PDB file of N, CA and C in Angstrom:
ATOM      1  N   MET A   1     -23.455  -5.325   5.300  1.00  0.00           N
ATOM      2  CA  MET A   1     -22.525  -4.927   4.268  1.00  0.00           C
ATOM      3  C   MET A   1     -23.282  -4.346   3.084  1.00  0.00           C
ATOM      4  N   SER A   2     -22.677  -3.301   2.532  1.00  0.00           N
ATOM      5  CA  SER A   2     -23.342  -2.620   1.438  1.00  0.00           C
ATOM      6  C   SER A   2     -22.831  -3.055   0.074  1.00  0.00           C
ATOM      7  N   ASP A   3     -21.754  -3.813   0.036  1.00  0.00           N
ATOM      8  CA  ASP A   3     -21.109  -4.207  -1.223  1.00  0.00           C
ATOM      9  C   ASP A   3     -20.697  -2.995  -2.048  1.00  0.00           C
ATOM     10  N   ARG A   4     -20.324  -1.918  -1.375  1.00  0.00           N
ATOM     11  CA  ARG A   4     -19.876  -0.696  -2.050  1.00  0.00           C
ATOM     12  C   ARG A   4     -18.510  -0.944  -2.685  1.00  0.00           C
ATOM     13  N   VAL A   5     -18.408  -0.690  -3.979  1.00  0.00           N
ATOM     14  CA  VAL A   5     -17.165  -0.904  -4.714  1.00  0.00           C
ATOM     15  C   VAL A   5     -16.540   0.452  -5.028  1.00  0.00           C
ATOM     16  N   THR A   6     -15.278   0.595  -4.620  1.00  0.00           N
ATOM     17  CA  THR A   6     -14.510   1.799  -4.926  1.00  0.00           C
ATOM     18  C   THR A   6     -13.194   1.373  -5.564  1.00  0.00           C
ATOM     19  N   ALA A   7     -12.565   2.301  -6.266  1.00  0.00           N
ATOM     20  CA  ALA A   7     -11.306   1.975  -6.930  1.00  0.00           C
ATOM     21  C   ALA A   7     -10.417   3.208  -6.990  1.00  0.00           C
ATOM     22  N   VAL A   8      -9.117   2.953  -7.015  1.00  0.00           N
ATOM     23  CA  VAL A   8      -8.123   4.004  -7.185  1.00  0.00           C
ATOM     24  C   VAL A   8      -7.291   3.621  -8.405  1.00  0.00           C
ATOM     25  N   ARG A   9      -7.212   4.559  -9.338  1.00  0.00           N
ATOM     26  CA  ARG A   9      -6.511   4.304 -10.596  1.00  0.00           C
ATOM     27  C   ARG A   9      -5.287   5.207 -10.707  1.00  0.00           C
ATOM     28  N   GLY A  10      -4.188   4.646 -11.142  1.00  0.00           N
ATOM     29  CA  GLY A  10      -2.930   5.366 -11.324  1.00  0.00           C
ATOM     30  C   GLY A  10      -1.854   4.350 -11.659  1.00  0.00           C
ATOM     31  N   ASP A  11      -0.600   4.726 -11.502  1.00  0.00           N
ATOM     32  CA  ASP A  11       0.494   3.772 -11.702  1.00  0.00           C
ATOM     33  C   ASP A  11       0.651   2.943 -10.436  1.00  0.00           C
ATOM     34  N   LEU A  12       0.519   1.627 -10.546  1.00  0.00           N
ATOM     35  CA  LEU A  12       0.597   0.748  -9.380  1.00  0.00           C
ATOM     36  C   LEU A  12       2.013   0.244  -9.160  1.00  0.00           C
ATOM     37  N   VAL A  13       2.348   0.084  -7.893  1.00  0.00           N
ATOM     38  CA  VAL A  13       3.550  -0.654  -7.517  1.00  0.00           C
ATOM     39  C   VAL A  13       3.174  -1.476  -6.291  1.00  0.00           C
ATOM     40  N   PHE A  14       3.456  -2.768  -6.358  1.00  0.00           N
ATOM     41  CA  PHE A  14       3.130  -3.631  -5.220  1.00  0.00           C
ATOM     42  C   PHE A  14       4.098  -4.798  -5.160  1.00  0.00           C
ATOM     43  N   CYS A  15       4.142  -5.406  -4.009  1.00  0.00           N
ATOM     44  CA  CYS A  15       5.069  -6.492  -3.736  1.00  0.00           C
ATOM     45  C   CYS A  15       4.362  -7.829  -3.928  1.00  0.00           C
ATOM     46  N   THR A  16       5.057  -8.768  -4.570  1.00  0.00           N
ATOM     47  CA  THR A  16       4.484 -10.101  -4.780  1.00  0.00           C
ATOM     48  C   THR A  16       5.182 -11.172  -3.963  1.00  0.00           C
ATOM     49  N   GLY A  17       6.171 -10.764  -3.206  1.00  0.00           N
ATOM     50  CA  GLY A  17       6.937 -11.719  -2.405  1.00  0.00           C
ATOM     51  C   GLY A  17       7.833 -10.962  -1.450  1.00  0.00           C
ATOM     52  N   ASP A  18       9.076 -11.329  -1.426  1.00  0.00           N
ATOM     53  CA  ASP A  18      10.043 -10.717  -0.528  1.00  0.00           C
ATOM     54  C   ASP A  18      10.545  -9.407  -1.129  1.00  0.00           C
ATOM     55  N   PRO A  19      10.243  -8.264  -0.502  1.00  0.00           N
ATOM     56  CA  PRO A  19      10.689  -6.998  -1.065  1.00  0.00           C
ATOM     57  C   PRO A  19      12.212  -6.873  -1.106  1.00  0.00           C
ATOM     58  N   ARG A  20      12.910  -7.569  -0.193  1.00  0.00           N
ATOM     59  CA  ARG A  20      14.373  -7.527  -0.202  1.00  0.00           C
ATOM     60  C   ARG A  20      14.953  -8.227  -1.420  1.00  0.00           C
ATOM     61  N   ALA A  21      14.157  -9.106  -2.023  1.00  0.00           N
ATOM     62  CA  ALA A  21      14.601  -9.816  -3.225  1.00  0.00           C
ATOM     63  C   ALA A  21      14.153  -9.098  -4.499  1.00  0.00           C
ATOM     64  N   GLY A  22      13.490  -7.960  -4.338  1.00  0.00           N
ATOM     65  CA  GLY A  22      13.051  -7.191  -5.499  1.00  0.00           C
ATOM     66  C   GLY A  22      11.788  -7.713  -6.133  1.00  0.00           C
ATOM     67  N   ASP A  23      10.950  -8.395  -5.347  1.00  0.00           N
ATOM     68  CA  ASP A  23       9.713  -8.966  -5.887  1.00  0.00           C
ATOM     69  C   ASP A  23       8.607  -7.909  -5.982  1.00  0.00           C
ATOM     70  N   PHE A  24       8.865  -6.894  -6.805  1.00  0.00           N
ATOM     71  CA  PHE A  24       7.906  -5.819  -7.007  1.00  0.00           C
ATOM     72  C   PHE A  24       7.349  -5.862  -8.420  1.00  0.00           C
ATOM     73  N   VAL A  25       6.127  -5.351  -8.562  1.00  0.00           N
ATOM     74  CA  VAL A  25       5.486  -5.237  -9.862  1.00  0.00           C
ATOM     75  C   VAL A  25       5.128  -3.772 -10.065  1.00  0.00           C
ATOM     76  N   HIS A  26       5.359  -3.265 -11.267  1.00  0.00           N
ATOM     77  CA  HIS A  26       4.946  -1.913 -11.623  1.00  0.00           C
ATOM     78  C   HIS A  26       3.970  -2.021 -12.785  1.00  0.00           C
ATOM     79  N   VAL A  27       2.784  -1.435 -12.627  1.00  0.00           N
ATOM     80  CA  VAL A  27       1.766  -1.461 -13.669  1.00  0.00           C
ATOM     81  C   VAL A  27       1.416  -0.019 -14.021  1.00  0.00           C
ATOM     82  N   GLU A  28       1.767   0.391 -15.240  1.00  0.00           N
ATOM     83  CA  GLU A  28       1.342   1.714 -15.691  1.00  0.00           C
ATOM     84  C   GLU A  28      -0.158   1.663 -15.940  1.00  0.00           C
ATOM     85  N   ASP A  29      -0.854   2.698 -15.516  1.00  0.00           N
ATOM     86  CA  ASP A  29      -2.317   2.782 -15.628  1.00  0.00           C
ATOM     87  C   ASP A  29      -2.974   1.523 -15.064  1.00  0.00           C
ATOM     88  N   GLY A  30      -2.777   1.345 -13.781  1.00  0.00           N
ATOM     89  CA  GLY A  30      -3.395   0.217 -13.082  1.00  0.00           C
ATOM     90  C   GLY A  30      -4.540   0.696 -12.211  1.00  0.00           C
ATOM     91  N   ILE A  31      -5.180  -0.242 -11.562  1.00  0.00           N
ATOM     92  CA  ILE A  31      -6.313   0.092 -10.706  1.00  0.00           C
ATOM     93  C   ILE A  31      -6.365  -0.882  -9.529  1.00  0.00           C
ATOM     94  N   VAL A  32      -6.731  -0.357  -8.368  1.00  0.00           N
ATOM     95  CA  VAL A  32      -6.936  -1.158  -7.163  1.00  0.00           C
ATOM     96  C   VAL A  32      -8.410  -1.054  -6.817  1.00  0.00           C
ATOM     97  N   VAL A  33      -9.061  -2.196  -6.676  1.00  0.00           N
ATOM     98  CA  VAL A  33     -10.498  -2.233  -6.405  1.00  0.00           C
ATOM     99  C   VAL A  33     -10.735  -2.746  -4.994  1.00  0.00           C
ATOM    100  N   SER A  34     -11.612  -2.062  -4.278  1.00  0.00           N
ATOM    101  CA  SER A  34     -11.973  -2.541  -2.944  1.00  0.00           C
ATOM    102  C   SER A  34     -13.486  -2.638  -2.813  1.00  0.00           C
ATOM    103  N   ARG A  35     -13.884  -3.584  -2.004  1.00  0.00           N
ATOM    104  CA  ARG A  35     -15.302  -3.781  -1.692  1.00  0.00           C
ATOM    105  C   ARG A  35     -15.419  -3.693  -0.181  1.00  0.00           C
ATOM    106  N   ASP A  36     -16.186  -2.712   0.265  1.00  0.00           N
ATOM    107  CA  ASP A  36     -16.376  -2.467   1.698  1.00  0.00           C
ATOM    108  C   ASP A  36     -15.042  -2.366   2.438  1.00  0.00           C
ATOM    109  N   GLY A  37     -14.038  -1.724   1.796  1.00  0.00           N
ATOM    110  CA  GLY A  37     -12.761  -1.472   2.446  1.00  0.00           C
ATOM    111  C   GLY A  37     -11.712  -2.550   2.280  1.00  0.00           C
ATOM    112  N   ASP A  38     -12.051  -3.688   1.703  1.00  0.00           N
ATOM    113  CA  ASP A  38     -11.083  -4.768   1.488  1.00  0.00           C
ATOM    114  C   ASP A  38     -10.669  -4.802   0.019  1.00  0.00           C
ATOM    115  N   ILE A  39      -9.360  -4.886  -0.236  1.00  0.00           N
ATOM    116  CA  ILE A  39      -8.883  -4.979  -1.617  1.00  0.00           C
ATOM    117  C   ILE A  39      -9.329  -6.320  -2.197  1.00  0.00           C
ATOM    118  N   VAL A  40     -10.015  -6.256  -3.347  1.00  0.00           N
ATOM    119  CA  VAL A  40     -10.511  -7.479  -3.984  1.00  0.00           C
ATOM    120  C   VAL A  40      -9.883  -7.737  -5.348  1.00  0.00           C
ATOM    121  N   ALA A  41      -9.232  -6.712  -5.928  1.00  0.00           N
ATOM    122  CA  ALA A  41      -8.594  -6.902  -7.234  1.00  0.00           C
ATOM    123  C   ALA A  41      -7.607  -5.767  -7.477  1.00  0.00           C
ATOM    124  N   ASN A  42      -6.594  -6.059  -8.264  1.00  0.00           N
ATOM    125  CA  ASN A  42      -5.714  -5.018  -8.773  1.00  0.00           C
ATOM    126  C   ASN A  42      -5.071  -5.525 -10.042  1.00  0.00           C
ATOM    127  N   GLY A  43      -4.655  -4.586 -10.862  1.00  0.00           N
ATOM    128  CA  GLY A  43      -4.023  -4.950 -12.114  1.00  0.00           C
ATOM    129  C   GLY A  43      -4.184  -3.859 -13.137  1.00  0.00           C
ATOM    130  N   PRO A  44      -3.924  -4.183 -14.406  1.00  0.00           N
ATOM    131  CA  PRO A  44      -4.046  -3.191 -15.469  1.00  0.00           C
ATOM    132  C   PRO A  44      -5.488  -2.690 -15.591  1.00  0.00           C
ATOM    133  N   ALA A  45      -5.634  -1.381 -15.726  1.00  0.00           N
ATOM    134  CA  ALA A  45      -6.972  -0.782 -15.802  1.00  0.00           C
ATOM    135  C   ALA A  45      -7.761  -1.314 -16.994  1.00  0.00           C
ATOM    136  N   HIS A  46      -7.096  -1.519 -18.130  1.00  0.00           N
ATOM    137  CA  HIS A  46      -7.826  -1.994 -19.310  1.00  0.00           C
ATOM    138  C   HIS A  46      -8.465  -3.370 -19.087  1.00  0.00           C
ATOM    139  N   ARG A  47      -7.931  -4.135 -18.151  1.00  0.00           N
ATOM    140  CA  ARG A  47      -8.487  -5.464 -17.858  1.00  0.00           C
ATOM    141  C   ARG A  47      -9.524  -5.415 -16.743  1.00  0.00           C
ATOM    142  N   ILE A  48      -9.313  -4.541 -15.737  1.00  0.00           N
ATOM    143  CA  ILE A  48     -10.163  -4.518 -14.546  1.00  0.00           C
ATOM    144  C   ILE A  48     -11.406  -3.641 -14.711  1.00  0.00           C
ATOM    145  N   VAL A  49     -11.262  -2.474 -15.326  1.00  0.00           N
ATOM    146  CA  VAL A  49     -12.376  -1.521 -15.420  1.00  0.00           C
ATOM    147  C   VAL A  49     -13.639  -2.141 -16.033  1.00  0.00           C
ATOM    148  N   PRO A  50     -13.540  -2.921 -17.111  1.00  0.00           N
ATOM    149  CA  PRO A  50     -14.766  -3.497 -17.682  1.00  0.00           C
ATOM    150  C   PRO A  50     -15.508  -4.463 -16.741  1.00  0.00           C
ATOM    151  N   THR A  51     -14.846  -4.939 -15.694  1.00  0.00           N
ATOM    152  CA  THR A  51     -15.483  -5.884 -14.768  1.00  0.00           C
ATOM    153  C   THR A  51     -16.190  -5.178 -13.605  1.00  0.00           C
ATOM    154  N   LEU A  52     -16.008  -3.859 -13.485  1.00  0.00           N
ATOM    155  CA  LEU A  52     -16.573  -3.125 -12.355  1.00  0.00           C
ATOM    156  C   LEU A  52     -18.061  -2.857 -12.544  1.00  0.00           C
ATOM    157  N   PRO A  53     -18.808  -2.812 -11.433  1.00  0.00           N
ATOM    158  CA  PRO A  53     -20.209  -2.442 -11.547  1.00  0.00           C
ATOM    159  C   PRO A  53     -20.351  -0.986 -12.008  1.00  0.00           C
ATOM    160  N   ALA A  54     -21.461  -0.676 -12.613  1.00  0.00           N
ATOM    161  CA  ALA A  54     -21.690   0.659 -13.170  1.00  0.00           C
ATOM    162  C   ALA A  54     -21.612   1.752 -12.111  1.00  0.00           C
ATOM    163  N   ASP A  55     -21.957   1.448 -10.868  1.00  0.00           N
ATOM    164  CA  ASP A  55     -21.966   2.476  -9.819  1.00  0.00           C
ATOM    165  C   ASP A  55     -20.665   2.525  -9.008  1.00  0.00           C
ATOM    166  N   ALA A  56     -19.618   1.849  -9.473  1.00  0.00           N
ATOM    167  CA  ALA A  56     -18.338   1.877  -8.764  1.00  0.00           C
ATOM    168  C   ALA A  56     -17.767   3.291  -8.783  1.00  0.00           C
ATOM    169  N   GLU A  57     -17.235   3.721  -7.646  1.00  0.00           N
ATOM    170  CA  GLU A  57     -16.596   5.029  -7.546  1.00  0.00           C
ATOM    171  C   GLU A  57     -15.114   4.863  -7.859  1.00  0.00           C
ATOM    172  N   ILE A  58     -14.636   5.562  -8.896  1.00  0.00           N
ATOM    173  CA  ILE A  58     -13.238   5.450  -9.303  1.00  0.00           C
ATOM    174  C   ILE A  58     -12.559   6.807  -9.125  1.00  0.00           C
ATOM    175  N   ALA A  59     -11.535   6.835  -8.285  1.00  0.00           N
ATOM    176  CA  ALA A  59     -10.700   8.023  -8.132  1.00  0.00           C
ATOM    177  C   ALA A  59      -9.503   7.846  -9.052  1.00  0.00           C
ATOM    178  N   HIS A  60      -9.329   8.761 -10.004  1.00  0.00           N
ATOM    179  CA  HIS A  60      -8.290   8.616 -11.013  1.00  0.00           C
ATOM    180  C   HIS A  60      -7.170   9.614 -10.747  1.00  0.00           C
ATOM    181  N   TYR A  61      -5.956   9.107 -10.611  1.00  0.00           N
ATOM    182  CA  TYR A  61      -4.773   9.921 -10.354  1.00  0.00           C
ATOM    183  C   TYR A  61      -3.718   9.635 -11.416  1.00  0.00           C
ATOM    184  N   PRO A  62      -3.895  10.154 -12.638  1.00  0.00           N
ATOM    185  CA  PRO A  62      -2.910   9.883 -13.687  1.00  0.00           C
ATOM    186  C   PRO A  62      -1.544  10.450 -13.316  1.00  0.00           C
ATOM    187  N   GLY A  63      -0.515   9.659 -13.574  1.00  0.00           N
ATOM    188  CA  GLY A  63       0.840  10.081 -13.274  1.00  0.00           C
ATOM    189  C   GLY A  63       1.227   9.969 -11.814  1.00  0.00           C
ATOM    190  N   CYS A  64       0.336   9.457 -10.984  1.00  0.00           N
ATOM    191  CA  CYS A  64       0.614   9.291  -9.552  1.00  0.00           C
ATOM    192  C   CYS A  64       0.830   7.824  -9.234  1.00  0.00           C
ATOM    193  N   LEU A  65       1.593   7.568  -8.192  1.00  0.00           N
ATOM    194  CA  LEU A  65       1.921   6.213  -7.780  1.00  0.00           C
ATOM    195  C   LEU A  65       0.932   5.731  -6.730  1.00  0.00           C
ATOM    196  N   VAL A  66       0.333   4.588  -6.959  1.00  0.00           N
ATOM    197  CA  VAL A  66      -0.601   3.957  -6.036  1.00  0.00           C
ATOM    198  C   VAL A  66       0.054   2.676  -5.534  1.00  0.00           C
ATOM    199  N   ALA A  67       0.101   2.506  -4.203  1.00  0.00           N
ATOM    200  CA  ALA A  67       0.782   1.355  -3.608  1.00  0.00           C
ATOM    201  C   ALA A  67      -0.190   0.570  -2.739  1.00  0.00           C
ATOM    202  N   PRO A  68      -0.964  -0.344  -3.332  1.00  0.00           N
ATOM    203  CA  PRO A  68      -1.928  -1.111  -2.554  1.00  0.00           C
ATOM    204  C   PRO A  68      -1.256  -2.017  -1.537  1.00  0.00           C
ATOM    205  N   GLY A  69      -1.827  -2.083  -0.361  1.00  0.00           N
ATOM    206  CA  GLY A  69      -1.342  -2.990   0.666  1.00  0.00           C
ATOM    207  C   GLY A  69      -0.307  -2.402   1.592  1.00  0.00           C
ATOM    208  N   PHE A  70       0.306  -1.263   1.244  1.00  0.00           N
ATOM    209  CA  PHE A  70       1.249  -0.643   2.161  1.00  0.00           C
ATOM    210  C   PHE A  70       0.478  -0.013   3.296  1.00  0.00           C
ATOM    211  N   VAL A  71       0.746  -0.465   4.485  1.00  0.00           N
ATOM    212  CA  VAL A  71       0.090   0.085   5.658  1.00  0.00           C
ATOM    213  C   VAL A  71       0.922   1.229   6.219  1.00  0.00           C
ATOM    214  N   ASP A  72       2.227   1.074   6.209  1.00  0.00           N
ATOM    215  CA  ASP A  72       3.109   2.071   6.790  1.00  0.00           C
ATOM    216  C   ASP A  72       4.349   2.184   5.911  1.00  0.00           C
ATOM    217  N   ALA A  73       4.414   3.223   5.121  1.00  0.00           N
ATOM    218  CA  ALA A  73       5.511   3.355   4.171  1.00  0.00           C
ATOM    219  C   ALA A  73       6.494   4.452   4.577  1.00  0.00           C
ATOM    220  N   HIS A  74       6.820   4.518   5.867  1.00  0.00           N
ATOM    221  CA  HIS A  74       7.816   5.488   6.299  1.00  0.00           C
ATOM    222  C   HIS A  74       8.801   4.824   7.252  1.00  0.00           C
ATOM    223  N   VAL A  75       9.904   5.502   7.516  1.00  0.00           N
ATOM    224  CA  VAL A  75      10.927   4.959   8.389  1.00  0.00           C
ATOM    225  C   VAL A  75      11.422   6.068   9.318  1.00  0.00           C
ATOM    226  N   HIS A  76      11.791   5.671  10.518  1.00  0.00           N
ATOM    227  CA  HIS A  76      12.437   6.579  11.464  1.00  0.00           C
ATOM    228  C   HIS A  76      13.932   6.284  11.373  1.00  0.00           C
ATOM    229  N   TYR A  77      14.657   7.152  10.684  1.00  0.00           N
ATOM    230  CA  TYR A  77      16.049   6.877  10.370  1.00  0.00           C
ATOM    231  C   TYR A  77      16.878   6.529  11.609  1.00  0.00           C
ATOM    232  N   ALA A  78      16.648   7.221  12.703  1.00  0.00           N
ATOM    233  CA  ALA A  78      17.444   6.981  13.910  1.00  0.00           C
ATOM    234  C   ALA A  78      17.258   5.566  14.462  1.00  0.00           C
ATOM    235  N   GLN A  79      16.198   4.884  14.058  1.00  0.00           N
ATOM    236  CA  GLN A  79      15.909   3.557  14.585  1.00  0.00           C
ATOM    237  C   GLN A  79      16.238   2.438  13.601  1.00  0.00           C
ATOM    238  N   THR A  80      16.776   2.754  12.437  1.00  0.00           N
ATOM    239  CA  THR A  80      16.979   1.716  11.428  1.00  0.00           C
ATOM    240  C   THR A  80      17.972   0.640  11.849  1.00  0.00           C
ATOM    241  N   GLU A  81      18.917   0.960  12.723  1.00  0.00           N
ATOM    242  CA  GLU A  81      19.863  -0.068  13.177  1.00  0.00           C
ATOM    243  C   GLU A  81      19.184  -1.133  14.033  1.00  0.00           C
ATOM    244  N   MET A  82      18.024  -0.811  14.613  1.00  0.00           N
ATOM    245  CA  MET A  82      17.342  -1.750  15.494  1.00  0.00           C
ATOM    246  C   MET A  82      16.297  -2.602  14.777  1.00  0.00           C
ATOM    247  N   ILE A  83      16.038  -2.334  13.510  1.00  0.00           N
ATOM    248  CA  ILE A  83      15.016  -3.084  12.785  1.00  0.00           C
ATOM    249  C   ILE A  83      15.371  -4.563  12.788  1.00  0.00           C
ATOM    250  N   GLY A  84      14.426  -5.372  13.176  1.00  0.00           N
ATOM    251  CA  GLY A  84      14.619  -6.814  13.172  1.00  0.00           C
ATOM    252  C   GLY A  84      15.269  -7.375  14.419  1.00  0.00           C
ATOM    253  N   THR A  85      15.613  -6.536  15.379  1.00  0.00           N
ATOM    254  CA  THR A  85      16.207  -7.068  16.601  1.00  0.00           C
ATOM    255  C   THR A  85      15.105  -7.577  17.525  1.00  0.00           C
ATOM    256  N   PRO A  86      15.361  -8.661  18.246  1.00  0.00           N
ATOM    257  CA  PRO A  86      14.342  -9.201  19.141  1.00  0.00           C
ATOM    258  C   PRO A  86      14.198  -8.337  20.400  1.00  0.00           C
ATOM    259  N   GLY A  87      13.055  -8.445  21.024  1.00  0.00           N
ATOM    260  CA  GLY A  87      12.857  -7.772  22.314  1.00  0.00           C
ATOM    261  C   GLY A  87      12.369  -6.352  22.181  1.00  0.00           C
ATOM    262  N   GLY A  88      12.430  -5.644  23.286  1.00  0.00           N
ATOM    263  CA  GLY A  88      11.881  -4.306  23.352  1.00  0.00           C
ATOM    264  C   GLY A  88      12.869  -3.199  23.086  1.00  0.00           C
ATOM    265  N   ARG A  89      14.004  -3.494  22.514  1.00  0.00           N
ATOM    266  CA  ARG A  89      15.051  -2.500  22.322  1.00  0.00           C
ATOM    267  C   ARG A  89      14.570  -1.286  21.529  1.00  0.00           C
ATOM    268  N   LEU A  90      13.856  -1.493  20.437  1.00  0.00           N
ATOM    269  CA  LEU A  90      13.381  -0.389  19.617  1.00  0.00           C
ATOM    270  C   LEU A  90      12.452   0.518  20.402  1.00  0.00           C
ATOM    271  N   VAL A  91      11.521  -0.067  21.139  1.00  0.00           N
ATOM    272  CA  VAL A  91      10.573   0.728  21.921  1.00  0.00           C
ATOM    273  C   VAL A  91      11.296   1.500  23.012  1.00  0.00           C
ATOM    274  N   SER A  92      12.229   0.866  23.720  1.00  0.00           N
ATOM    275  CA  SER A  92      12.908   1.554  24.810  1.00  0.00           C
ATOM    276  C   SER A  92      13.734   2.725  24.289  1.00  0.00           C
ATOM    277  N   ILE A  93      14.341   2.580  23.133  1.00  0.00           N
ATOM    278  CA  ILE A  93      15.107   3.688  22.558  1.00  0.00           C
ATOM    279  C   ILE A  93      14.162   4.806  22.116  1.00  0.00           C
ATOM    280  N   ALA A  94      13.011   4.442  21.551  1.00  0.00           N
ATOM    281  CA  ALA A  94      12.032   5.457  21.141  1.00  0.00           C
ATOM    282  C   ALA A  94      11.543   6.222  22.362  1.00  0.00           C
ATOM    283  N   VAL A  95      11.304   5.542  23.477  1.00  0.00           N
ATOM    284  CA  VAL A  95      10.878   6.218  24.702  1.00  0.00           C
ATOM    285  C   VAL A  95      11.984   7.133  25.189  1.00  0.00           C
ATOM    286  N   CYS A  96      13.232   6.691  25.097  1.00  0.00           N
ATOM    287  CA  CYS A  96      14.368   7.505  25.505  1.00  0.00           C
ATOM    288  C   CYS A  96      14.430   8.790  24.669  1.00  0.00           C
ATOM    289  N   PHE A  97      14.270   8.689  23.350  1.00  0.00           N
ATOM    290  CA  PHE A  97      14.275   9.881  22.500  1.00  0.00           C
ATOM    291  C   PHE A  97      13.152  10.824  22.890  1.00  0.00           C
ATOM    292  N   HIS A  98      11.993  10.251  23.195  1.00  0.00           N
ATOM    293  CA  HIS A  98      10.834  11.063  23.568  1.00  0.00           C
ATOM    294  C   HIS A  98      11.127  11.868  24.832  1.00  0.00           C
ATOM    295  N   HIS A  99      11.768  11.254  25.821  1.00  0.00           N
ATOM    296  CA  HIS A  99      12.040  11.939  27.090  1.00  0.00           C
ATOM    297  C   HIS A  99      13.148  12.973  26.956  1.00  0.00           C
ATOM    298  N   MET A 100      13.990  12.853  25.927  1.00  0.00           N
ATOM    299  CA  MET A 100      15.061  13.832  25.762  1.00  0.00           C
ATOM    300  C   MET A 100      14.547  15.133  25.147  1.00  0.00           C
ATOM    301  N   MET A 101      13.382  15.124  24.528  1.00  0.00           N
ATOM    302  CA  MET A 101      12.860  16.324  23.879  1.00  0.00           C
ATOM    303  C   MET A 101      12.224  17.270  24.855  1.00  0.00           C
TER     304      MET A 101
END
């Protein structure tokens, strides 16, 4: 491990609990810090930046939204009725759509 520290700075939005309950946080001028690809800190830039090592790489995107922790932030509208159903129903319908094209 190289202990390489990188950061992305912008307006943060992230979930602290159940997104269906509205457990979101918005931080204007926030920063997400990662070490060797793992998120190790996030929060207001004025609090986090002074703690970073001098050689940290910071990508700054003022006025842009940064969403740490979102792995997949898109939806396939045709499949939304199947979200949360048990079994292979979603996959079988996706395969069916694929074969119809």
